């Protein structure tokens, strides 16, 4: 299987090229990405635990799903594609905001992403893809916020950054 490319962008989210995903993470090049947060009717967030064999951040907890858009794919198309690939379900998604962050990993790779954050609603159990996901759980938003402070080591680097932005967005917009 050939490695997927990521879409290189400038700070205005304008495409400036393509690069293999691993190379982009080795060189810390800014690229387009997305993060999906799925809530249920009890305002609980669906978290996934990354599969144990992932090349970075294995067994760490993170948002419902995240990945990179493919060339000519819209943000929402990408979010829906990856939600189905990782978690095995579809639900309407809405893009909330985007921002740029840079986060180094312990293994020398770096995420440098212009991240499009999306939200959806779902109340059932997912059908997880064990190639991508080790486990999953529902967790109250406030409990996630507290647990990140108490146990930051069990969460992905990017999730801690993105969750903070997501949490403040929910507060400001009363979602």
C-alpha atoms as a PDB file:
ATOM      1  CA  UNK A   1       0.000   0.000   0.000  1.00  0.00           C
ATOM      2  CA  UNK A   2       1.400   3.397  -0.934  1.00  0.00           C
ATOM      3  CA  UNK A   3       1.711   6.068   1.695  1.00  0.00           C
ATOM      4  CA  UNK A   4      -0.892   8.796   1.554  1.00  0.00           C
ATOM      5  CA  UNK A   5       0.064  12.361   0.810  1.00  0.00           C
ATOM      6  CA  UNK A   6      -0.961  15.279   2.977  1.00  0.00           C
ATOM      7  CA  UNK A   7      -1.938  18.658   1.555  1.00  0.00           C
ATOM      8  CA  UNK A   8       0.665  21.303   2.305  1.00  0.00           C
ATOM      9  CA  UNK A   9      -0.915  24.696   2.999  1.00  0.00           C
ATOM     10  CA  UNK A  10       0.056  28.231   3.894  1.00  0.00           C
ATOM     11  CA  UNK A  11      -1.386  30.063   6.913  1.00  0.00           C
ATOM     12  CA  UNK A  12      -4.458  31.013   4.813  1.00  0.00           C
ATOM     13  CA  UNK A  13      -5.238  27.316   4.154  1.00  0.00           C
ATOM     14  CA  UNK A  14      -4.284  27.661   0.491  1.00  0.00           C
ATOM     15  CA  UNK A  15      -2.800  24.494  -1.002  1.00  0.00           C
ATOM     16  CA  UNK A  16       0.880  24.885  -1.880  1.00  0.00           C
ATOM     17  CA  UNK A  17       1.798  21.260  -2.544  1.00  0.00           C
ATOM     18  CA  UNK A  18       1.598  17.602  -1.544  1.00  0.00           C
ATOM     19  CA  UNK A  19       4.000  15.508   0.533  1.00  0.00           C
ATOM     20  CA  UNK A  20       4.027  11.953   1.888  1.00  0.00           C
ATOM     21  CA  UNK A  21       2.523  11.954   5.386  1.00  0.00           C
ATOM     22  CA  UNK A  22       5.580  10.593   7.209  1.00  0.00           C
ATOM     23  CA  UNK A  23       7.908  13.066   5.481  1.00  0.00           C
ATOM     24  CA  UNK A  24       5.614  15.980   6.431  1.00  0.00           C
ATOM     25  CA  UNK A  25       5.744  14.846  10.068  1.00  0.00           C
ATOM     26  CA  UNK A  26       9.534  14.398   9.942  1.00  0.00           C
ATOM     27  CA  UNK A  27      10.035  17.888   8.493  1.00  0.00           C
ATOM     28  CA  UNK A  28       7.280  19.564  10.582  1.00  0.00           C
ATOM     29  CA  UNK A  29       5.728  21.090   7.452  1.00  0.00           C
ATOM     30  CA  UNK A  30       2.350  22.854   7.791  1.00  0.00           C
ATOM     31  CA  UNK A  31      -0.415  20.688   6.331  1.00  0.00           C
ATOM     32  CA  UNK A  32      -4.205  20.455   6.351  1.00  0.00           C
ATOM     33  CA  UNK A  33      -5.891  18.160   8.864  1.00  0.00           C
ATOM     34  CA  UNK A  34      -9.203  17.678  10.651  1.00  0.00           C
ATOM     35  CA  UNK A  35     -10.469  16.594  14.056  1.00  0.00           C
ATOM     36  CA  UNK A  36     -13.943  15.169  14.666  1.00  0.00           C
ATOM     37  CA  UNK A  37     -15.684  15.415  18.040  1.00  0.00           C
ATOM     38  CA  UNK A  38     -18.853  13.326  18.386  1.00  0.00           C
ATOM     39  CA  UNK A  39     -21.205  14.039  21.276  1.00  0.00           C
ATOM     40  CA  UNK A  40     -24.268  12.101  22.375  1.00  0.00           C
ATOM     41  CA  UNK A  41     -27.544  13.509  23.696  1.00  0.00           C
ATOM     42  CA  UNK A  42     -26.118  13.422  27.251  1.00  0.00           C
ATOM     43  CA  UNK A  43     -23.357  15.839  26.140  1.00  0.00           C
ATOM     44  CA  UNK A  44     -20.744  13.103  26.485  1.00  0.00           C
ATOM     45  CA  UNK A  45     -17.774  12.979  24.127  1.00  0.00           C
ATOM     46  CA  UNK A  46     -16.883   9.766  22.299  1.00  0.00           C
ATOM     47  CA  UNK A  47     -13.167   9.165  22.837  1.00  0.00           C
ATOM     48  CA  UNK A  48     -11.056   6.613  21.026  1.00  0.00           C
ATOM     49  CA  UNK A  49      -7.924   4.890  22.234  1.00  0.00           C
ATOM     50  CA  UNK A  50      -5.401   4.607  19.414  1.00  0.00           C
ATOM     51  CA  UNK A  51      -4.435   1.079  18.367  1.00  0.00           C
ATOM     52  CA  UNK A  52      -1.406  -0.463  20.095  1.00  0.00           C
ATOM     53  CA  UNK A  53       0.548  -0.860  16.832  1.00  0.00           C
ATOM     54  CA  UNK A  54       0.299   2.798  15.647  1.00  0.00           C
ATOM     55  CA  UNK A  55       3.710   4.310  14.773  1.00  0.00           C
ATOM     56  CA  UNK A  56       3.083   7.264  17.075  1.00  0.00           C
ATOM     57  CA  UNK A  57       0.924   7.786  20.154  1.00  0.00           C
ATOM     58  CA  UNK A  58      -0.196   4.138  20.479  1.00  0.00           C
ATOM     59  CA  UNK A  59      -2.697   3.352  23.251  1.00  0.00           C
ATOM     60  CA  UNK A  60      -3.312   7.038  23.999  1.00  0.00           C
ATOM     61  CA  UNK A  61      -6.811   8.489  24.238  1.00  0.00           C
ATOM     62  CA  UNK A  62      -7.917  11.117  21.744  1.00  0.00           C
ATOM     63  CA  UNK A  63     -10.970  12.658  20.088  1.00  0.00           C
ATOM     64  CA  UNK A  64     -13.470  10.555  18.127  1.00  0.00           C
ATOM     65  CA  UNK A  65     -11.316  10.603  14.998  1.00  0.00           C
ATOM     66  CA  UNK A  66      -8.839  12.754  13.136  1.00  0.00           C
ATOM     67  CA  UNK A  67      -6.766  12.542  10.007  1.00  0.00           C
ATOM     68  CA  UNK A  68      -5.830  14.385   6.828  1.00  0.00           C
ATOM     69  CA  UNK A  69      -7.907  15.453   3.860  1.00  0.00           C
ATOM     70  CA  UNK A  70      -7.119  13.930   0.497  1.00  0.00           C
ATOM     71  CA  UNK A  71      -6.554  16.137  -2.521  1.00  0.00           C
ATOM     72  CA  UNK A  72      -9.887  17.433  -3.924  1.00  0.00           C
ATOM     73  CA  UNK A  73     -11.797  16.186  -0.844  1.00  0.00           C
ATOM     74  CA  UNK A  74     -13.775  18.720   1.211  1.00  0.00           C
ATOM     75  CA  UNK A  75     -13.231  18.942   4.955  1.00  0.00           C
ATOM     76  CA  UNK A  76     -16.653  17.416   5.681  1.00  0.00           C
ATOM     77  CA  UNK A  77     -16.154  14.622   3.128  1.00  0.00           C
ATOM     78  CA  UNK A  78     -12.830  13.795   4.787  1.00  0.00           C
ATOM     79  CA  UNK A  79     -14.355  13.847   8.265  1.00  0.00           C
ATOM     80  CA  UNK A  80     -17.177  11.535   7.238  1.00  0.00           C
ATOM     81  CA  UNK A  81     -14.825   9.176   5.380  1.00  0.00           C
ATOM     82  CA  UNK A  82     -12.500   8.810   8.346  1.00  0.00           C
ATOM     83  CA  UNK A  83     -15.317   8.507  10.878  1.00  0.00           C
ATOM     84  CA  UNK A  84     -16.598   5.514   8.909  1.00  0.00           C
ATOM     85  CA  UNK A  85     -13.096   4.038   8.435  1.00  0.00           C
ATOM     86  CA  UNK A  86     -12.112   4.304  12.111  1.00  0.00           C
ATOM     87  CA  UNK A  87     -15.369   4.181  14.076  1.00  0.00           C
ATOM     88  CA  UNK A  88     -17.745   2.447  11.655  1.00  0.00           C
ATOM     89  CA  UNK A  89     -20.618   4.933  11.576  1.00  0.00           C
ATOM     90  CA  UNK A  90     -21.880   8.019   9.802  1.00  0.00           C
ATOM     91  CA  UNK A  91     -23.480  11.124  11.256  1.00  0.00           C
ATOM     92  CA  UNK A  92     -23.909  14.641   9.903  1.00  0.00           C
ATOM     93  CA  UNK A  93     -20.874  16.787  10.734  1.00  0.00           C
ATOM     94  CA  UNK A  94     -20.592  20.549  11.067  1.00  0.00           C
ATOM     95  CA  UNK A  95     -17.322  22.459  10.867  1.00  0.00           C
ATOM     96  CA  UNK A  96     -16.877  24.727  13.894  1.00  0.00           C
ATOM     97  CA  UNK A  97     -13.523  26.465  13.411  1.00  0.00           C
ATOM     98  CA  UNK A  98      -9.927  25.949  12.322  1.00  0.00           C
ATOM     99  CA  UNK A  99      -6.570  26.903  13.802  1.00  0.00           C
ATOM    100  CA  UNK A 100      -2.860  26.164  13.448  1.00  0.00           C
ATOM    101  CA  UNK A 101      -0.849  24.238  16.009  1.00  0.00           C
ATOM    102  CA  UNK A 102       2.558  22.590  16.241  1.00  0.00           C
ATOM    103  CA  UNK A 103       3.164  19.631  18.552  1.00  0.00           C
ATOM    104  CA  UNK A 104       6.318  17.483  18.723  1.00  0.00           C
ATOM    105  CA  UNK A 105       6.177  13.764  19.574  1.00  0.00           C
ATOM    106  CA  UNK A 106       8.652  11.801  21.674  1.00  0.00           C
ATOM    107  CA  UNK A 107       9.773   9.875  18.573  1.00  0.00           C
ATOM    108  CA  UNK A 108      11.089  12.946  16.737  1.00  0.00           C
ATOM    109  CA  UNK A 109       8.049  13.513  14.526  1.00  0.00           C
ATOM    110  CA  UNK A 110       6.051  16.757  14.697  1.00  0.00           C
ATOM    111  CA  UNK A 111       2.433  17.602  13.939  1.00  0.00           C
ATOM    112  CA  UNK A 112       2.227  21.040  12.321  1.00  0.00           C
ATOM    113  CA  UNK A 113      -1.342  21.320  11.199  1.00  0.00           C
ATOM    114  CA  UNK A 114      -4.010  23.705  10.089  1.00  0.00           C
ATOM    115  CA  UNK A 115      -6.762  21.739  11.797  1.00  0.00           C
ATOM    116  CA  UNK A 116     -10.452  21.933  10.859  1.00  0.00           C
ATOM    117  CA  UNK A 117     -12.505  21.021  13.949  1.00  0.00           C
ATOM    118  CA  UNK A 118     -15.890  19.371  13.370  1.00  0.00           C
ATOM    119  CA  UNK A 119     -18.754  18.243  15.572  1.00  0.00           C
ATOM    120  CA  UNK A 120     -21.411  15.563  15.172  1.00  0.00           C
ATOM    121  CA  UNK A 121     -24.061  13.834  17.261  1.00  0.00           C
ATOM    122  CA  UNK A 122     -24.471  10.073  17.696  1.00  0.00           C
ATOM    123  CA  UNK A 123     -25.976   7.909  20.432  1.00  0.00           C
ATOM    124  CA  UNK A 124     -25.040   4.343  19.517  1.00  0.00           C
ATOM    125  CA  UNK A 125     -21.949   2.212  20.023  1.00  0.00           C
ATOM    126  CA  UNK A 126     -19.386   2.460  17.203  1.00  0.00           C
ATOM    127  CA  UNK A 127     -18.121  -0.524  15.201  1.00  0.00           C
ATOM    128  CA  UNK A 128     -14.420   0.199  15.676  1.00  0.00           C
ATOM    129  CA  UNK A 129     -11.745  -0.758  13.166  1.00  0.00           C
ATOM    130  CA  UNK A 130      -9.117  -2.607  15.212  1.00  0.00           C
ATOM    131  CA  UNK A 131      -6.401  -1.579  12.736  1.00  0.00           C
ATOM    132  CA  UNK A 132      -6.959   1.998  13.910  1.00  0.00           C
ATOM    133  CA  UNK A 133      -8.684   1.887  17.285  1.00  0.00           C
ATOM    134  CA  UNK A 134      -7.946  -0.151  20.410  1.00  0.00           C
ATOM    135  CA  UNK A 135     -10.994   0.907  22.433  1.00  0.00           C
ATOM    136  CA  UNK A 136     -13.544   3.682  22.887  1.00  0.00           C
ATOM    137  CA  UNK A 137     -15.703   5.246  25.593  1.00  0.00           C
ATOM    138  CA  UNK A 138     -18.190   8.021  26.294  1.00  0.00           C
ATOM    139  CA  UNK A 139     -16.981  10.643  28.763  1.00  0.00           C
ATOM    140  CA  UNK A 140     -18.622  13.794  30.146  1.00  0.00           C
ATOM    141  CA  UNK A 141     -16.991  16.922  28.712  1.00  0.00           C
ATOM    142  CA  UNK A 142     -16.177  18.270  32.192  1.00  0.00           C
ATOM    143  CA  UNK A 143     -14.677  14.909  33.185  1.00  0.00           C
ATOM    144  CA  UNK A 144     -12.425  14.997  30.099  1.00  0.00           C
ATOM    145  CA  UNK A 145     -11.227  18.486  31.045  1.00  0.00           C
ATOM    146  CA  UNK A 146     -10.427  17.364  34.607  1.00  0.00           C
ATOM    147  CA  UNK A 147      -8.820  14.074  33.559  1.00  0.00           C
ATOM    148  CA  UNK A 148      -6.460  15.812  31.113  1.00  0.00           C
ATOM    149  CA  UNK A 149      -5.170  17.869  34.053  1.00  0.00           C
ATOM    150  CA  UNK A 150      -4.789  14.821  36.322  1.00  0.00           C
ATOM    151  CA  UNK A 151      -3.515  12.291  33.734  1.00  0.00           C
ATOM    152  CA  UNK A 152      -2.084  14.230  30.756  1.00  0.00           C
ATOM    153  CA  UNK A 153       0.185  11.312  29.839  1.00  0.00           C
ATOM    154  CA  UNK A 154      -2.754   9.123  28.703  1.00  0.00           C
ATOM    155  CA  UNK A 155      -3.904  11.600  26.019  1.00  0.00           C
ATOM    156  CA  UNK A 156      -2.416  12.438  22.629  1.00  0.00           C
ATOM    157  CA  UNK A 157      -0.411  15.648  22.381  1.00  0.00           C
ATOM    158  CA  UNK A 158      -2.755  17.102  19.772  1.00  0.00           C
ATOM    159  CA  UNK A 159      -5.924  16.161  21.650  1.00  0.00           C
ATOM    160  CA  UNK A 160      -4.883  18.212  24.685  1.00  0.00           C
ATOM    161  CA  UNK A 161      -4.388  21.251  22.436  1.00  0.00           C
ATOM    162  CA  UNK A 162      -7.506  20.761  20.324  1.00  0.00           C
ATOM    163  CA  UNK A 163      -9.772  19.839  23.258  1.00  0.00           C
ATOM    164  CA  UNK A 164      -8.918  23.123  24.980  1.00  0.00           C
ATOM    165  CA  UNK A 165      -9.945  25.076  21.844  1.00  0.00           C
ATOM    166  CA  UNK A 166     -13.068  22.893  21.449  1.00  0.00           C
ATOM    167  CA  UNK A 167     -14.070  23.323  25.104  1.00  0.00           C
ATOM    168  CA  UNK A 168     -13.764  27.125  24.920  1.00  0.00           C
ATOM    169  CA  UNK A 169     -15.686  27.180  21.639  1.00  0.00           C
ATOM    170  CA  UNK A 170     -18.557  25.244  23.266  1.00  0.00           C
ATOM    171  CA  UNK A 171     -18.551  27.641  26.221  1.00  0.00           C
ATOM    172  CA  UNK A 172     -18.563  30.757  24.029  1.00  0.00           C
ATOM    173  CA  UNK A 173     -21.255  29.457  21.665  1.00  0.00           C
ATOM    174  CA  UNK A 174     -23.418  27.571  24.199  1.00  0.00           C
ATOM    175  CA  UNK A 175     -23.506  24.422  22.070  1.00  0.00           C
END
